[in-house]
Amino acid sequence: MSLLNWIFDAWQHSRIRDAHRETERLRDEMAALRSGSGLDGDRVARAIGELALAAKTLQRLCVEKGLCTEAEFRDRARQIDLEDGRQDGMAPPAR
């Protein structure tokens, strides 16, 4: 493995670790929101905005990297939407 490949791999692994940490932080935040007696509307709106940003970023990266086309992404989203038996543009929250 060349030095350049090793550096790129190390950088990529650090980005993956960062994504895992951020995922855990968001999971903790969502758990706190669920367990609270009252919901803070600003925190909920921010969490939704962050999730929307993450979803759009992933979709664009997948298309830009050639992993799929926009049409394939939309088709898969429709398939996933129907997994709960309803086409409502939402997936049930993970439990």
PDB file of N, CA and C in Angstrom:
ATOM      1  N   MET A   1       0.847  -1.165   0.000  1.00  0.00           N
ATOM      2  CA  MET A   1       0.000   0.000   0.000  1.00  0.00           C
ATOM      3  C   MET A   1       0.896   1.232   0.000  1.00  0.00           C
ATOM      4  N   SER A   2       0.595   2.166  -0.887  1.00  0.00           N
ATOM      5  CA  SER A   2       1.406   3.374  -0.954  1.00  0.00           C
ATOM      6  C   SER A   2       1.081   4.296   0.207  1.00  0.00           C
ATOM      7  N   LEU A   3       1.978   5.224   0.443  1.00  0.00           N
ATOM      8  CA  LEU A   3       1.778   6.182   1.525  1.00  0.00           C
ATOM      9  C   LEU A   3       0.504   6.993   1.307  1.00  0.00           C
ATOM     10  N   LEU A   4       0.233   7.361   0.063  1.00  0.00           N
ATOM     11  CA  LEU A   4      -0.967   8.134  -0.247  1.00  0.00           C
ATOM     12  C   LEU A   4      -2.233   7.336   0.083  1.00  0.00           C
ATOM     13  N   ASN A   5      -2.247   6.062  -0.274  1.00  0.00           N
ATOM     14  CA  ASN A   5      -3.391   5.212   0.064  1.00  0.00           C
ATOM     15  C   ASN A   5      -3.546   5.080   1.570  1.00  0.00           C
ATOM     16  N   TRP A   6      -2.441   4.925   2.285  1.00  0.00           N
ATOM     17  CA  TRP A   6      -2.493   4.798   3.735  1.00  0.00           C
ATOM     18  C   TRP A   6      -3.053   6.065   4.365  1.00  0.00           C
ATOM     19  N   ILE A   7      -2.604   7.232   3.883  1.00  0.00           N
ATOM     20  CA  ILE A   7      -3.100   8.508   4.406  1.00  0.00           C
ATOM     21  C   ILE A   7      -4.590   8.640   4.132  1.00  0.00           C
ATOM     22  N   PHE A   8      -5.009   8.299   2.911  1.00  0.00           N
ATOM     23  CA  PHE A   8      -6.428   8.383   2.569  1.00  0.00           C
ATOM     24  C   PHE A   8      -7.251   7.435   3.439  1.00  0.00           C
ATOM     25  N   ASP A   9      -6.771   6.223   3.652  1.00  0.00           N
ATOM     26  CA  ASP A   9      -7.479   5.261   4.509  1.00  0.00           C
ATOM     27  C   ASP A   9      -7.602   5.788   5.934  1.00  0.00           C
ATOM     28  N   ALA A  10      -6.525   6.352   6.460  1.00  0.00           N
ATOM     29  CA  ALA A  10      -6.555   6.900   7.819  1.00  0.00           C
ATOM     30  C   ALA A  10      -7.565   8.036   7.900  1.00  0.00           C
ATOM     31  N   TRP A  11      -7.571   8.912   6.908  1.00  0.00           N
ATOM     32  CA  TRP A  11      -8.526  10.025   6.880  1.00  0.00           C
ATOM     33  C   TRP A  11      -9.957   9.495   6.805  1.00  0.00           C
ATOM     34  N   GLN A  12     -10.172   8.519   5.951  1.00  0.00           N
ATOM     35  CA  GLN A  12     -11.507   7.955   5.789  1.00  0.00           C
ATOM     36  C   GLN A  12     -11.989   7.297   7.099  1.00  0.00           C
ATOM     37  N   HIS A  13     -11.116   6.583   7.772  1.00  0.00           N
ATOM     38  CA  HIS A  13     -11.479   5.946   9.040  1.00  0.00           C
ATOM     39  C   HIS A  13     -11.793   6.996  10.105  1.00  0.00           C
ATOM     40  N   SER A  14     -11.064   8.104  10.091  1.00  0.00           N
ATOM     41  CA  SER A  14     -11.366   9.151  11.067  1.00  0.00           C
ATOM     42  C   SER A  14     -12.733   9.762  10.780  1.00  0.00           C
ATOM     43  N   ARG A  15     -13.098   9.915   9.512  1.00  0.00           N
ATOM     44  CA  ARG A  15     -14.421  10.438   9.160  1.00  0.00           C
ATOM     45  C   ARG A  15     -15.514   9.457   9.587  1.00  0.00           C
ATOM     46  N   ILE A  16     -15.258   8.170   9.436  1.00  0.00           N
ATOM     47  CA  ILE A  16     -16.232   7.157   9.852  1.00  0.00           C
ATOM     48  C   ILE A  16     -16.413   7.207  11.365  1.00  0.00           C
ATOM     49  N   ARG A  17     -15.304   7.309  12.121  1.00  0.00           N
ATOM     50  CA  ARG A  17     -15.403   7.423  13.582  1.00  0.00           C
ATOM     51  C   ARG A  17     -16.194   8.665  13.978  1.00  0.00           C
ATOM     52  N   ASP A  18     -15.934   9.784  13.296  1.00  0.00           N
ATOM     53  CA  ASP A  18     -16.678  11.018  13.581  1.00  0.00           C
ATOM     54  C   ASP A  18     -18.166  10.828  13.321  1.00  0.00           C
ATOM     55  N   ALA A  19     -18.507  10.140  12.236  1.00  0.00           N
ATOM     56  CA  ALA A  19     -19.915   9.900  11.907  1.00  0.00           C
ATOM     57  C   ALA A  19     -20.565   9.015  12.962  1.00  0.00           C
ATOM     58  N   HIS A  20     -19.847   8.021  13.450  1.00  0.00           N
ATOM     59  CA  HIS A  20     -20.380   7.154  14.513  1.00  0.00           C
ATOM     60  C   HIS A  20     -20.631   7.962  15.790  1.00  0.00           C
ATOM     61  N   ARG A  21     -19.681   8.822  16.152  1.00  0.00           N
ATOM     62  CA  ARG A  21     -19.855   9.649  17.351  1.00  0.00           C
ATOM     63  C   ARG A  21     -21.067  10.575  17.207  1.00  0.00           C
ATOM     64  N   GLU A  22     -21.202  11.184  16.037  1.00  0.00           N
ATOM     65  CA  GLU A  22     -22.327  12.087  15.797  1.00  0.00           C
ATOM     66  C   GLU A  22     -23.645  11.322  15.833  1.00  0.00           C
ATOM     67  N   THR A  23     -23.658  10.119  15.294  1.00  0.00           N
ATOM     68  CA  THR A  23     -24.863   9.287  15.335  1.00  0.00           C
ATOM     69  C   THR A  23     -25.248   8.984  16.775  1.00  0.00           C
ATOM     70  N   GLU A  24     -24.278   8.627  17.590  1.00  0.00           N
ATOM     71  CA  GLU A  24     -24.555   8.341  18.997  1.00  0.00           C
ATOM     72  C   GLU A  24     -25.067   9.584  19.717  1.00  0.00           C
ATOM     73  N   ARG A  25     -24.482  10.737  19.417  1.00  0.00           N
ATOM     74  CA  ARG A  25     -24.931  11.986  20.036  1.00  0.00           C
ATOM     75  C   ARG A  25     -26.382  12.264  19.667  1.00  0.00           C
ATOM     76  N   LEU A  26     -26.710  12.084  18.383  1.00  0.00           N
ATOM     77  CA  LEU A  26     -28.081  12.320  17.948  1.00  0.00           C
ATOM     78  C   LEU A  26     -29.046  11.310  18.553  1.00  0.00           C
ATOM     79  N   ARG A  27     -28.623  10.060  18.671  1.00  0.00           N
ATOM     80  CA  ARG A  27     -29.475   9.055  19.316  1.00  0.00           C
ATOM     81  C   ARG A  27     -29.749   9.426  20.766  1.00  0.00           C
ATOM     82  N   ASP A  28     -28.709   9.874  21.459  1.00  0.00           N
ATOM     83  CA  ASP A  28     -28.883  10.297  22.852  1.00  0.00           C
ATOM     84  C   ASP A  28     -29.830  11.483  22.944  1.00  0.00           C
ATOM     85  N   GLU A  29     -29.676  12.420  22.018  1.00  0.00           N
ATOM     86  CA  GLU A  29     -30.551  13.594  22.023  1.00  0.00           C
ATOM     87  C   GLU A  29     -32.002  13.197  21.748  1.00  0.00           C
ATOM     88  N   MET A  30     -32.220  12.300  20.806  1.00  0.00           N
ATOM     89  CA  MET A  30     -33.581  11.845  20.508  1.00  0.00           C
ATOM     90  C   MET A  30     -34.165  11.083  21.694  1.00  0.00           C
ATOM     91  N   ALA A  31     -33.368  10.284  22.371  1.00  0.00           N
ATOM     92  CA  ALA A  31     -33.852   9.563  23.556  1.00  0.00           C
ATOM     93  C   ALA A  31     -34.255  10.552  24.642  1.00  0.00           C
ATOM     94  N   ALA A  32     -33.478  11.602  24.807  1.00  0.00           N
ATOM     95  CA  ALA A  32     -33.822  12.618  25.804  1.00  0.00           C
ATOM     96  C   ALA A  32     -35.119  13.322  25.427  1.00  0.00           C
ATOM     97  N   LEU A  33     -35.299  13.589  24.135  1.00  0.00           N
ATOM     98  CA  LEU A  33     -36.539  14.227  23.689  1.00  0.00           C
ATOM     99  C   LEU A  33     -37.739  13.324  23.941  1.00  0.00           C
ATOM    100  N   ARG A  34     -37.569  12.029  23.665  1.00  0.00           N
ATOM    101  CA  ARG A  34     -38.673  11.085  23.858  1.00  0.00           C
ATOM    102  C   ARG A  34     -39.032  10.920  25.329  1.00  0.00           C
ATOM    103  N   SER A  35     -38.039  10.941  26.201  1.00  0.00           N
ATOM    104  CA  SER A  35     -38.296  10.667  27.608  1.00  0.00           C
ATOM    105  C   SER A  35     -38.770  11.899  28.377  1.00  0.00           C
ATOM    106  N   GLY A  36     -38.596  13.067  27.811  1.00  0.00           N
ATOM    107  CA  GLY A  36     -39.005  14.287  28.501  1.00  0.00           C
ATOM    108  C   GLY A  36     -40.513  14.400  28.588  1.00  0.00           C
ATOM    109  N   SER A  37     -40.986  15.031  29.667  1.00  0.00           N
ATOM    110  CA  SER A  37     -42.437  15.187  29.827  1.00  0.00           C
ATOM    111  C   SER A  37     -42.982  16.207  28.843  1.00  0.00           C
ATOM    112  N   GLY A  38     -42.213  17.206  28.526  1.00  0.00           N
ATOM    113  CA  GLY A  38     -42.631  18.196  27.540  1.00  0.00           C
ATOM    114  C   GLY A  38     -41.577  18.298  26.453  1.00  0.00           C
ATOM    115  N   LEU A  39     -41.997  18.503  25.233  1.00  0.00           N
ATOM    116  CA  LEU A  39     -41.046  18.609  24.135  1.00  0.00           C
ATOM    117  C   LEU A  39     -40.701  20.069  23.892  1.00  0.00           C
ATOM    118  N   ASP A  40     -39.450  20.323  23.706  1.00  0.00           N
ATOM    119  CA  ASP A  40     -38.967  21.649  23.365  1.00  0.00           C
ATOM    120  C   ASP A  40     -39.068  21.786  21.848  1.00  0.00           C
ATOM    121  N   GLY A  41     -39.991  22.616  21.393  1.00  0.00           N
ATOM    122  CA  GLY A  41     -40.244  22.756  19.956  1.00  0.00           C
ATOM    123  C   GLY A  41     -39.019  23.161  19.165  1.00  0.00           C
ATOM    124  N   ASP A  42     -38.194  24.039  19.720  1.00  0.00           N
ATOM    125  CA  ASP A  42     -36.988  24.477  19.013  1.00  0.00           C
ATOM    126  C   ASP A  42     -36.006  23.321  18.847  1.00  0.00           C
ATOM    127  N   ARG A  43     -35.866  22.497  19.893  1.00  0.00           N
ATOM    128  CA  ARG A  43     -34.950  21.345  19.799  1.00  0.00           C
ATOM    129  C   ARG A  43     -35.459  20.329  18.789  1.00  0.00           C
ATOM    130  N   VAL A  44     -36.774  20.109  18.769  1.00  0.00           N
ATOM    131  CA  VAL A  44     -37.355  19.164  17.805  1.00  0.00           C
ATOM    132  C   VAL A  44     -37.142  19.683  16.380  1.00  0.00           C
ATOM    133  N   ALA A  45     -37.417  20.959  16.169  1.00  0.00           N
ATOM    134  CA  ALA A  45     -37.234  21.546  14.838  1.00  0.00           C
ATOM    135  C   ALA A  45     -35.777  21.453  14.407  1.00  0.00           C
ATOM    136  N   ARG A  46     -34.852  21.700  15.333  1.00  0.00           N
ATOM    137  CA  ARG A  46     -33.426  21.601  15.000  1.00  0.00           C
ATOM    138  C   ARG A  46     -33.044  20.158  14.657  1.00  0.00           C
ATOM    139  N   ALA A  47     -33.543  19.195  15.444  1.00  0.00           N
ATOM    140  CA  ALA A  47     -33.244  17.784  15.178  1.00  0.00           C
ATOM    141  C   ALA A  47     -33.780  17.376  13.808  1.00  0.00           C
ATOM    142  N   ILE A  48     -34.982  17.813  13.479  1.00  0.00           N
ATOM    143  CA  ILE A  48     -35.555  17.488  12.166  1.00  0.00           C
ATOM    144  C   ILE A  48     -34.727  18.121  11.061  1.00  0.00           C
ATOM    145  N   GLY A  49     -34.325  19.360  11.259  1.00  0.00           N
ATOM    146  CA  GLY A  49     -33.486  20.027  10.265  1.00  0.00           C
ATOM    147  C   GLY A  49     -32.158  19.328  10.057  1.00  0.00           C
ATOM    148  N   GLU A  50     -31.552  18.873  11.152  1.00  0.00           N
ATOM    149  CA  GLU A  50     -30.280  18.153  11.059  1.00  0.00           C
ATOM    150  C   GLU A  50     -30.458  16.827  10.329  1.00  0.00           C
ATOM    151  N   LEU A  51     -31.544  16.130  10.610  1.00  0.00           N
ATOM    152  CA  LEU A  51     -31.810  14.862   9.925  1.00  0.00           C
ATOM    153  C   LEU A  51     -32.064  15.091   8.446  1.00  0.00           C
ATOM    154  N   ALA A  52     -32.805  16.144   8.108  1.00  0.00           N
ATOM    155  CA  ALA A  52     -33.063  16.457   6.699  1.00  0.00           C
ATOM    156  C   ALA A  52     -31.754  16.776   5.982  1.00  0.00           C
ATOM    157  N   LEU A  53     -30.883  17.541   6.622  1.00  0.00           N
ATOM    158  CA  LEU A  53     -29.587  17.866   6.034  1.00  0.00           C
ATOM    159  C   LEU A  53     -28.762  16.606   5.803  1.00  0.00           C
ATOM    160  N   ALA A  54     -28.746  15.710   6.800  1.00  0.00           N
ATOM    161  CA  ALA A  54     -27.984  14.462   6.656  1.00  0.00           C
ATOM    162  C   ALA A  54     -28.528  13.622   5.506  1.00  0.00           C
ATOM    163  N   ALA A  55     -29.854  13.530   5.400  1.00  0.00           N
ATOM    164  CA  ALA A  55     -30.459  12.728   4.329  1.00  0.00           C
ATOM    165  C   ALA A  55     -30.132  13.314   2.963  1.00  0.00           C
ATOM    166  N   LYS A  56     -30.252  14.630   2.817  1.00  0.00           N
ATOM    167  CA  LYS A  56     -29.946  15.265   1.531  1.00  0.00           C
ATOM    168  C   LYS A  56     -28.469  15.102   1.182  1.00  0.00           C
ATOM    169  N   THR A  57     -27.607  15.216   2.186  1.00  0.00           N
ATOM    170  CA  THR A  57     -26.173  15.053   1.949  1.00  0.00           C
ATOM    171  C   THR A  57     -25.863  13.647   1.464  1.00  0.00           C
ATOM    172  N   LEU A  58     -26.437  12.641   2.128  1.00  0.00           N
ATOM    173  CA  LEU A  58     -26.213  11.251   1.713  1.00  0.00           C
ATOM    174  C   LEU A  58     -26.726  11.000   0.295  1.00  0.00           C
ATOM    175  N   GLN A  59     -27.906  11.524  -0.008  1.00  0.00           N
ATOM    176  CA  GLN A  59     -28.485  11.331  -1.344  1.00  0.00           C
ATOM    177  C   GLN A  59     -27.576  11.948  -2.401  1.00  0.00           C
ATOM    178  N   ARG A  60     -27.132  13.163  -2.174  1.00  0.00           N
ATOM    179  CA  ARG A  60     -26.276  13.828  -3.171  1.00  0.00           C
ATOM    180  C   ARG A  60     -24.934  13.135  -3.313  1.00  0.00           C
ATOM    181  N   LEU A  61     -24.355  12.697  -2.197  1.00  0.00           N
ATOM    182  CA  LEU A  61     -23.080  11.987  -2.273  1.00  0.00           C
ATOM    183  C   LEU A  61     -23.216  10.689  -3.067  1.00  0.00           C
ATOM    184  N   CYS A  62     -24.294   9.960  -2.818  1.00  0.00           N
ATOM    185  CA  CYS A  62     -24.507   8.698  -3.538  1.00  0.00           C
ATOM    186  C   CYS A  62     -24.604   8.940  -5.038  1.00  0.00           C
ATOM    187  N   VAL A  63     -25.326   9.988  -5.433  1.00  0.00           N
ATOM    188  CA  VAL A  63     -25.472  10.297  -6.858  1.00  0.00           C
ATOM    189  C   VAL A  63     -24.144  10.800  -7.426  1.00  0.00           C
ATOM    190  N   GLU A  64     -23.496  11.734  -6.721  1.00  0.00           N
ATOM    191  CA  GLU A  64     -22.236  12.290  -7.202  1.00  0.00           C
ATOM    192  C   GLU A  64     -21.141  11.237  -7.324  1.00  0.00           C
ATOM    193  N   LYS A  65     -21.116  10.269  -6.409  1.00  0.00           N
ATOM    194  CA  LYS A  65     -20.095   9.212  -6.436  1.00  0.00           C
ATOM    195  C   LYS A  65     -20.449   8.106  -7.424  1.00  0.00           C
ATOM    196  N   GLY A  66     -21.627   8.204  -8.047  1.00  0.00           N
ATOM    197  CA  GLY A  66     -22.027   7.195  -9.028  1.00  0.00           C
ATOM    198  C   GLY A  66     -22.536   5.913  -8.399  1.00  0.00           C
ATOM    199  N   LEU A  67     -22.893   5.948  -7.123  1.00  0.00           N
ATOM    200  CA  LEU A  67     -23.418   4.747  -6.478  1.00  0.00           C
ATOM    201  C   LEU A  67     -24.828   4.435  -6.962  1.00  0.00           C
ATOM    202  N   CYS A  68     -25.573   5.489  -7.338  1.00  0.00           N
ATOM    203  CA  CYS A  68     -26.914   5.314  -7.866  1.00  0.00           C
ATOM    204  C   CYS A  68     -27.307   6.587  -8.609  1.00  0.00           C
ATOM    205  N   THR A  69     -28.385   6.511  -9.369  1.00  0.00           N
ATOM    206  CA  THR A  69     -28.923   7.705 -10.014  1.00  0.00           C
ATOM    207  C   THR A  69     -29.990   8.301  -9.099  1.00  0.00           C
ATOM    208  N   GLU A  70     -30.402   9.528  -9.411  1.00  0.00           N
ATOM    209  CA  GLU A  70     -31.468  10.140  -8.608  1.00  0.00           C
ATOM    210  C   GLU A  70     -32.747   9.316  -8.702  1.00  0.00           C
ATOM    211  N   ALA A  71     -33.041   8.792  -9.893  1.00  0.00           N
ATOM    212  CA  ALA A  71     -34.247   7.982 -10.081  1.00  0.00           C
ATOM    213  C   ALA A  71     -34.175   6.708  -9.237  1.00  0.00           C
ATOM    214  N   GLU A  72     -33.010   6.057  -9.200  1.00  0.00           N
ATOM    215  CA  GLU A  72     -32.854   4.858  -8.373  1.00  0.00           C
ATOM    216  C   GLU A  72     -33.034   5.183  -6.897  1.00  0.00           C
ATOM    217  N   PHE A  73     -32.510   6.331  -6.477  1.00  0.00           N
ATOM    218  CA  PHE A  73     -32.651   6.733  -5.082  1.00  0.00           C
ATOM    219  C   PHE A  73     -34.121   6.960  -4.739  1.00  0.00           C
ATOM    220  N   ARG A  74     -34.842   7.679  -5.604  1.00  0.00           N
ATOM    221  CA  ARG A  74     -36.272   7.929  -5.377  1.00  0.00           C
ATOM    222  C   ARG A  74     -37.067   6.632  -5.359  1.00  0.00           C
ATOM    223  N   ASP A  75     -36.753   5.717  -6.307  1.00  0.00           N
ATOM    224  CA  ASP A  75     -37.457   4.428  -6.359  1.00  0.00           C
ATOM    225  C   ASP A  75     -37.240   3.631  -5.069  1.00  0.00           C
ATOM    226  N   ARG A  76     -36.006   3.614  -4.590  1.00  0.00           N
ATOM    227  CA  ARG A  76     -35.719   2.885  -3.352  1.00  0.00           C
ATOM    228  C   ARG A  76     -36.426   3.540  -2.168  1.00  0.00           C
ATOM    229  N   ALA A  77     -36.469   4.873  -2.156  1.00  0.00           N
ATOM    230  CA  ALA A  77     -37.180   5.572  -1.075  1.00  0.00           C
ATOM    231  C   ALA A  77     -38.664   5.188  -1.095  1.00  0.00           C
ATOM    232  N   ARG A  78     -39.268   5.084  -2.285  1.00  0.00           N
ATOM    233  CA  ARG A  78     -40.670   4.668  -2.378  1.00  0.00           C
ATOM    234  C   ARG A  78     -40.844   3.251  -1.849  1.00  0.00           C
ATOM    235  N   GLN A  79     -39.914   2.362  -2.200  1.00  0.00           N
ATOM    236  CA  GLN A  79     -39.990   0.976  -1.717  1.00  0.00           C
ATOM    237  C   GLN A  79     -39.919   0.933  -0.195  1.00  0.00           C
ATOM    238  N   ILE A  80     -39.003   1.694   0.374  1.00  0.00           N
ATOM    239  CA  ILE A  80     -38.853   1.719   1.829  1.00  0.00           C
ATOM    240  C   ILE A  80     -40.088   2.335   2.468  1.00  0.00           C
ATOM    241  N   ASP A  81     -40.637   3.362   1.848  1.00  0.00           N
ATOM    242  CA  ASP A  81     -41.856   4.003   2.353  1.00  0.00           C
ATOM    243  C   ASP A  81     -42.987   2.992   2.459  1.00  0.00           C
ATOM    244  N   LEU A  82     -43.084   2.093   1.507  1.00  0.00           N
ATOM    245  CA  LEU A  82     -44.171   1.115   1.477  1.00  0.00           C
ATOM    246  C   LEU A  82     -43.973  -0.056   2.432  1.00  0.00           C
ATOM    247  N   GLU A  83     -42.797  -0.160   3.043  1.00  0.00           N
ATOM    248  CA  GLU A  83     -42.533  -1.295   3.935  1.00  0.00           C
ATOM    249  C   GLU A  83     -43.499  -1.363   5.109  1.00  0.00           C
ATOM    250  N   ASP A  84     -44.040  -0.221   5.515  1.00  0.00           N
ATOM    251  CA  ASP A  84     -45.002  -0.233   6.622  1.00  0.00           C
ATOM    252  C   ASP A  84     -46.441  -0.322   6.129  1.00  0.00           C
ATOM    253  N   GLY A  85     -46.603  -0.545   4.815  1.00  0.00           N
ATOM    254  CA  GLY A  85     -47.935  -0.728   4.248  1.00  0.00           C
ATOM    255  C   GLY A  85     -48.625   0.550   3.821  1.00  0.00           C
ATOM    256  N   ARG A  86     -48.000   1.696   4.041  1.00  0.00           N
ATOM    257  CA  ARG A  86     -48.595   2.979   3.651  1.00  0.00           C
ATOM    258  C   ARG A  86     -47.597   3.790   2.864  1.00  0.00           C
ATOM    259  N   GLN A  87     -48.068   4.443   1.798  1.00  0.00           N
ATOM    260  CA  GLN A  87     -47.204   5.365   1.063  1.00  0.00           C
ATOM    261  C   GLN A  87     -47.537   6.770   1.561  1.00  0.00           C
ATOM    262  N   ASP A  88     -46.795   7.187   2.595  1.00  0.00           N
ATOM    263  CA  ASP A  88     -47.076   8.471   3.227  1.00  0.00           C
ATOM    264  C   ASP A  88     -45.849   9.382   3.284  1.00  0.00           C
ATOM    265  N   GLY A  89     -44.765   8.975   2.631  1.00  0.00           N
ATOM    266  CA  GLY A  89     -43.567   9.797   2.627  1.00  0.00           C
ATOM    267  C   GLY A  89     -42.773   9.749   3.921  1.00  0.00           C
ATOM    268  N   MET A  90     -43.090   8.783   4.781  1.00  0.00           N
ATOM    269  CA  MET A  90     -42.395   8.670   6.064  1.00  0.00           C
ATOM    270  C   MET A  90     -42.101   7.210   6.356  1.00  0.00           C
ATOM    271  N   ALA A  91     -41.054   7.022   7.141  1.00  0.00           N
ATOM    272  CA  ALA A  91     -40.756   5.698   7.669  1.00  0.00           C
ATOM    273  C   ALA A  91     -41.038   5.749   9.168  1.00  0.00           C
ATOM    274  N   PRO A  92     -41.533   4.674   9.734  1.00  0.00           N
ATOM    275  CA  PRO A  92     -41.770   4.704  11.187  1.00  0.00           C
ATOM    276  C   PRO A  92     -40.439   4.864  11.914  1.00  0.00           C
ATOM    277  N   PRO A  93     -40.440   5.523  13.074  1.00  0.00           N
ATOM    278  CA  PRO A  93     -39.186   5.681  13.805  1.00  0.00           C
ATOM    279  C   PRO A  93     -38.649   4.333  14.269  1.00  0.00           C
ATOM    280  N   ALA A  94     -37.330   4.237  14.310  1.00  0.00           N
ATOM    281  CA  ALA A  94     -36.686   3.014  14.795  1.00  0.00           C
ATOM    282  C   ALA A  94     -36.982   2.848  16.276  1.00  0.00           C
ATOM    283  N   ARG A  95     -37.167   1.647  16.688  1.00  0.00           N
ATOM    284  CA  ARG A  95     -37.456   1.392  18.111  1.00  0.00           C
ATOM    285  C   ARG A  95     -36.295   0.705  18.754  1.00  0.00           C
TER     286      ARG A  95
END
